[in-house]
Amino acid sequence: MSEDVRMTAWVRGHVQGVGFRWFTRARALEIGGLRGFALNLGDGRVQVVAEGPRDGCERLLAWLQGGDTPGRVDGVTEIWDTPRGDYEGFVER
């Protein structure tokens, strides 16, 4: 059983206006067990916060870094922390 973690990722590139948040939510729900959100930031990045099993968060991060996302990802910066338990489900903000 994987420990629960909190992963916050900032995705830069052409990631707004291309359905990125919707597809991120769909991928998180497909992985299962993840709670959090995807949010457009004012500087053009998308912030993704996911809490849940480490393996699920790692799968979501790998998808964010991979070439199968909508738009164009130029880079992803992430930090890991302990979960706060603030979220129910995974939503677009």
N, C-alpha and C. Protein backbone atom coordinates (compact mmCIF):
# COMPACT_ATOMS: atom_id res chain seq x y z
N MET A 1 0.85 -1.19 0.00
CA MET A 1 0.00 0.00 0.00
C MET A 1 0.89 1.25 0.00
N SER A 2 0.57 2.16 -0.85
CA SER A 2 1.36 3.37 -1.01
C SER A 2 0.95 4.43 0.02
N GLU A 3 1.94 5.15 0.55
CA GLU A 3 1.62 6.23 1.49
C GLU A 3 0.93 7.38 0.76
N ASP A 4 0.10 8.13 1.48
CA ASP A 4 -0.54 9.29 0.90
C ASP A 4 0.41 10.48 0.93
N VAL A 5 0.41 11.25 -0.16
CA VAL A 5 1.28 12.41 -0.31
C VAL A 5 0.49 13.55 -0.93
N ARG A 6 1.13 14.70 -0.97
CA ARG A 6 0.60 15.87 -1.68
C ARG A 6 1.64 16.27 -2.71
N MET A 7 1.23 16.35 -3.96
CA MET A 7 2.11 16.76 -5.05
C MET A 7 1.54 18.04 -5.64
N THR A 8 2.35 19.08 -5.67
CA THR A 8 1.98 20.33 -6.33
C THR A 8 2.90 20.51 -7.52
N ALA A 9 2.30 20.71 -8.69
CA ALA A 9 3.08 20.86 -9.92
C ALA A 9 2.66 22.15 -10.62
N TRP A 10 3.66 22.82 -11.18
CA TRP A 10 3.42 24.00 -12.01
C TRP A 10 3.86 23.64 -13.42
N VAL A 11 2.89 23.70 -14.34
CA VAL A 11 3.14 23.27 -15.72
C VAL A 11 3.23 24.51 -16.59
N ARG A 12 4.35 24.65 -17.31
CA ARG A 12 4.52 25.82 -18.17
C ARG A 12 4.58 25.39 -19.63
N GLY A 13 4.20 26.32 -20.48
CA GLY A 13 4.12 26.07 -21.92
C GLY A 13 2.82 26.65 -22.43
N HIS A 14 2.32 26.10 -23.53
CA HIS A 14 1.01 26.50 -24.06
C HIS A 14 -0.02 25.55 -23.47
N VAL A 15 -0.47 25.88 -22.23
CA VAL A 15 -1.32 24.96 -21.48
C VAL A 15 -2.64 25.60 -21.04
N GLN A 16 -2.93 26.79 -21.49
CA GLN A 16 -4.22 27.41 -21.20
C GLN A 16 -4.99 27.58 -22.49
N GLY A 17 -6.31 27.39 -22.41
CA GLY A 17 -7.16 27.54 -23.59
C GLY A 17 -7.12 26.33 -24.51
N VAL A 18 -6.61 25.19 -24.01
CA VAL A 18 -6.49 23.99 -24.84
C VAL A 18 -7.13 22.77 -24.17
N GLY A 19 -7.90 22.98 -23.09
CA GLY A 19 -8.53 21.88 -22.38
C GLY A 19 -7.61 21.17 -21.40
N PHE A 20 -6.51 21.80 -21.05
CA PHE A 20 -5.51 21.16 -20.20
C PHE A 20 -6.07 20.79 -18.83
N ARG A 21 -6.79 21.71 -18.21
CA ARG A 21 -7.36 21.42 -16.88
C ARG A 21 -8.37 20.29 -16.95
N TRP A 22 -9.22 20.27 -17.98
CA TRP A 22 -10.22 19.22 -18.13
C TRP A 22 -9.54 17.86 -18.28
N PHE A 23 -8.54 17.79 -19.16
CA PHE A 23 -7.84 16.52 -19.37
C PHE A 23 -7.06 16.09 -18.13
N THR A 24 -6.52 17.06 -17.37
CA THR A 24 -5.82 16.72 -16.14
C THR A 24 -6.78 16.11 -15.15
N ARG A 25 -7.97 16.71 -15.02
CA ARG A 25 -9.00 16.15 -14.13
C ARG A 25 -9.38 14.76 -14.59
N ALA A 26 -9.61 14.58 -15.89
CA ALA A 26 -9.99 13.27 -16.42
C ALA A 26 -8.91 12.22 -16.14
N ARG A 27 -7.65 12.60 -16.30
CA ARG A 27 -6.55 11.67 -16.04
C ARG A 27 -6.48 11.32 -14.56
N ALA A 28 -6.66 12.32 -13.68
CA ALA A 28 -6.64 12.06 -12.24
C ALA A 28 -7.77 11.11 -11.84
N LEU A 29 -8.96 11.30 -12.42
CA LEU A 29 -10.08 10.42 -12.11
C LEU A 29 -9.84 9.02 -12.65
N GLU A 30 -9.20 8.93 -13.82
CA GLU A 30 -8.86 7.63 -14.41
C GLU A 30 -7.87 6.88 -13.52
N ILE A 31 -6.88 7.58 -12.99
CA ILE A 31 -5.90 6.96 -12.10
C ILE A 31 -6.59 6.48 -10.83
N GLY A 32 -7.49 7.31 -10.30
CA GLY A 32 -8.28 6.95 -9.13
C GLY A 32 -7.57 7.25 -7.82
N GLY A 33 -8.36 7.57 -6.82
CA GLY A 33 -7.84 7.81 -5.49
C GLY A 33 -7.20 9.17 -5.27
N LEU A 34 -7.25 10.04 -6.28
CA LEU A 34 -6.61 11.35 -6.15
C LEU A 34 -7.65 12.42 -5.89
N ARG A 35 -7.29 13.37 -5.05
CA ARG A 35 -8.12 14.53 -4.74
C ARG A 35 -7.28 15.77 -5.00
N GLY A 36 -7.93 16.85 -5.46
CA GLY A 36 -7.19 18.08 -5.68
C GLY A 36 -7.82 18.91 -6.78
N PHE A 37 -6.96 19.64 -7.51
CA PHE A 37 -7.49 20.56 -8.52
C PHE A 37 -6.43 20.90 -9.56
N ALA A 38 -6.92 21.47 -10.66
CA ALA A 38 -6.08 22.07 -11.70
C ALA A 38 -6.58 23.50 -11.89
N LEU A 39 -5.66 24.46 -11.87
CA LEU A 39 -6.00 25.88 -11.85
C LEU A 39 -5.14 26.66 -12.84
N ASN A 40 -5.77 27.49 -13.68
CA ASN A 40 -5.02 28.40 -14.54
C ASN A 40 -4.45 29.52 -13.68
N LEU A 41 -3.17 29.83 -13.87
CA LEU A 41 -2.53 30.94 -13.18
C LEU A 41 -2.42 32.14 -14.12
N GLY A 42 -2.31 33.31 -13.55
CA GLY A 42 -2.26 34.54 -14.34
C GLY A 42 -1.05 34.65 -15.25
N ASP A 43 0.01 33.91 -14.96
CA ASP A 43 1.23 33.99 -15.78
C ASP A 43 1.26 32.97 -16.91
N GLY A 44 0.13 32.26 -17.14
CA GLY A 44 0.05 31.31 -18.25
C GLY A 44 0.33 29.87 -17.86
N ARG A 45 0.76 29.64 -16.63
CA ARG A 45 0.99 28.27 -16.18
C ARG A 45 -0.31 27.66 -15.65
N VAL A 46 -0.29 26.34 -15.47
CA VAL A 46 -1.37 25.64 -14.78
C VAL A 46 -0.78 25.02 -13.53
N GLN A 47 -1.45 25.24 -12.40
CA GLN A 47 -1.05 24.62 -11.14
C GLN A 47 -1.92 23.40 -10.92
N VAL A 48 -1.28 22.29 -10.59
CA VAL A 48 -1.99 21.05 -10.31
C VAL A 48 -1.62 20.62 -8.89
N VAL A 49 -2.62 20.43 -8.05
CA VAL A 49 -2.42 19.91 -6.70
C VAL A 49 -3.15 18.58 -6.62
N ALA A 50 -2.43 17.53 -6.25
CA ALA A 50 -3.03 16.20 -6.12
C ALA A 50 -2.61 15.60 -4.80
N GLU A 51 -3.59 15.06 -4.09
CA GLU A 51 -3.32 14.33 -2.85
C GLU A 51 -3.87 12.92 -3.01
N GLY A 52 -3.12 11.97 -2.48
CA GLY A 52 -3.54 10.58 -2.55
C GLY A 52 -2.32 9.68 -2.51
N PRO A 53 -2.49 8.42 -2.91
CA PRO A 53 -1.37 7.49 -2.89
C PRO A 53 -0.20 7.99 -3.74
N ARG A 54 1.02 7.80 -3.23
CA ARG A 54 2.21 8.27 -3.94
C ARG A 54 2.26 7.74 -5.38
N ASP A 55 1.95 6.46 -5.56
CA ASP A 55 2.04 5.91 -6.92
C ASP A 55 1.06 6.60 -7.86
N GLY A 56 -0.13 6.97 -7.39
CA GLY A 56 -1.09 7.69 -8.22
C GLY A 56 -0.60 9.09 -8.57
N CYS A 57 -0.04 9.77 -7.58
CA CYS A 57 0.51 11.12 -7.84
C CYS A 57 1.68 11.04 -8.81
N GLU A 58 2.51 10.01 -8.68
CA GLU A 58 3.63 9.84 -9.61
C GLU A 58 3.14 9.55 -11.02
N ARG A 59 2.06 8.80 -11.15
CA ARG A 59 1.48 8.54 -12.48
C ARG A 59 0.94 9.82 -13.10
N LEU A 60 0.27 10.65 -12.29
CA LEU A 60 -0.25 11.92 -12.80
C LEU A 60 0.90 12.83 -13.21
N LEU A 61 1.95 12.90 -12.41
CA LEU A 61 3.11 13.72 -12.75
C LEU A 61 3.76 13.24 -14.03
N ALA A 62 3.91 11.93 -14.21
CA ALA A 62 4.50 11.39 -15.44
C ALA A 62 3.66 11.78 -16.65
N TRP A 63 2.33 11.77 -16.49
CA TRP A 63 1.46 12.19 -17.59
C TRP A 63 1.65 13.68 -17.90
N LEU A 64 1.74 14.50 -16.85
CA LEU A 64 1.96 15.94 -17.06
C LEU A 64 3.27 16.19 -17.80
N GLN A 65 4.29 15.40 -17.51
CA GLN A 65 5.61 15.58 -18.12
C GLN A 65 5.72 14.92 -19.49
N GLY A 66 4.79 14.03 -19.81
CA GLY A 66 4.84 13.29 -21.06
C GLY A 66 4.31 14.10 -22.23
N GLY A 67 4.32 13.51 -23.39
CA GLY A 67 3.89 14.20 -24.60
C GLY A 67 2.43 14.00 -24.95
N ASP A 68 1.64 13.41 -24.03
CA ASP A 68 0.26 13.07 -24.35
C ASP A 68 -0.75 14.09 -23.82
N THR A 69 -0.28 15.25 -23.39
CA THR A 69 -1.17 16.29 -22.87
C THR A 69 -1.65 17.19 -23.99
N PRO A 70 -2.78 17.87 -23.80
CA PRO A 70 -3.17 18.87 -24.80
C PRO A 70 -2.22 20.07 -24.73
N GLY A 71 -2.14 20.81 -25.80
CA GLY A 71 -1.26 21.98 -25.83
C GLY A 71 0.20 21.55 -25.95
N ARG A 72 1.08 22.33 -25.32
CA ARG A 72 2.51 22.04 -25.37
C ARG A 72 3.10 22.30 -23.99
N VAL A 73 3.68 21.29 -23.39
CA VAL A 73 4.32 21.42 -22.08
C VAL A 73 5.80 21.67 -22.31
N ASP A 74 6.28 22.81 -21.80
CA ASP A 74 7.71 23.13 -21.90
C ASP A 74 8.48 22.67 -20.67
N GLY A 75 7.77 22.48 -19.55
CA GLY A 75 8.44 22.03 -18.34
C GLY A 75 7.46 21.93 -17.19
N VAL A 76 7.83 21.12 -16.21
CA VAL A 76 7.01 20.93 -15.02
C VAL A 76 7.93 21.01 -13.81
N THR A 77 7.55 21.82 -12.85
CA THR A 77 8.25 21.91 -11.57
C THR A 77 7.30 21.36 -10.51
N GLU A 78 7.80 20.47 -9.66
CA GLU A 78 6.91 19.90 -8.64
C GLU A 78 7.58 19.91 -7.28
N ILE A 79 6.72 19.92 -6.26
CA ILE A 79 7.18 19.74 -4.88
C ILE A 79 6.30 18.68 -4.24
N TRP A 80 6.85 18.00 -3.27
CA TRP A 80 6.14 16.94 -2.55
C TRP A 80 6.00 17.35 -1.10
N ASP A 81 4.87 16.99 -0.50
CA ASP A 81 4.60 17.37 0.88
C ASP A 81 3.65 16.34 1.48
N THR A 82 3.29 16.56 2.74
CA THR A 82 2.29 15.70 3.37
C THR A 82 0.91 16.22 3.00
N PRO A 83 -0.06 15.32 2.83
CA PRO A 83 -1.41 15.76 2.45
C PRO A 83 -2.07 16.56 3.57
N ARG A 84 -2.91 17.49 3.17
CA ARG A 84 -3.64 18.33 4.12
C ARG A 84 -5.09 17.87 4.28
N GLY A 85 -5.57 17.10 3.30
CA GLY A 85 -6.94 16.60 3.39
C GLY A 85 -8.00 17.64 3.14
N ASP A 86 -7.66 18.67 2.38
CA ASP A 86 -8.59 19.78 2.13
C ASP A 86 -9.57 19.53 1.00
N TYR A 87 -9.42 18.46 0.24
CA TYR A 87 -10.16 18.31 -1.02
C TYR A 87 -11.05 17.08 -1.02
N GLU A 88 -12.16 17.22 -1.73
CA GLU A 88 -13.03 16.09 -2.04
C GLU A 88 -13.10 15.99 -3.54
N GLY A 89 -12.68 14.88 -4.09
CA GLY A 89 -12.69 14.71 -5.53
C GLY A 89 -11.57 15.52 -6.18
N PHE A 90 -11.61 15.57 -7.50
CA PHE A 90 -10.61 16.32 -8.27
C PHE A 90 -11.37 17.26 -9.20
N VAL A 91 -11.09 18.56 -9.13
CA VAL A 91 -11.89 19.55 -9.85
C VAL A 91 -11.02 20.49 -10.67
N GLU A 92 -11.68 21.15 -11.60
CA GLU A 92 -11.07 22.27 -12.33
C GLU A 92 -11.43 23.53 -11.55
N ARG A 93 -10.47 24.42 -11.42
CA ARG A 93 -10.75 25.71 -10.78
C ARG A 93 -10.50 26.82 -11.76
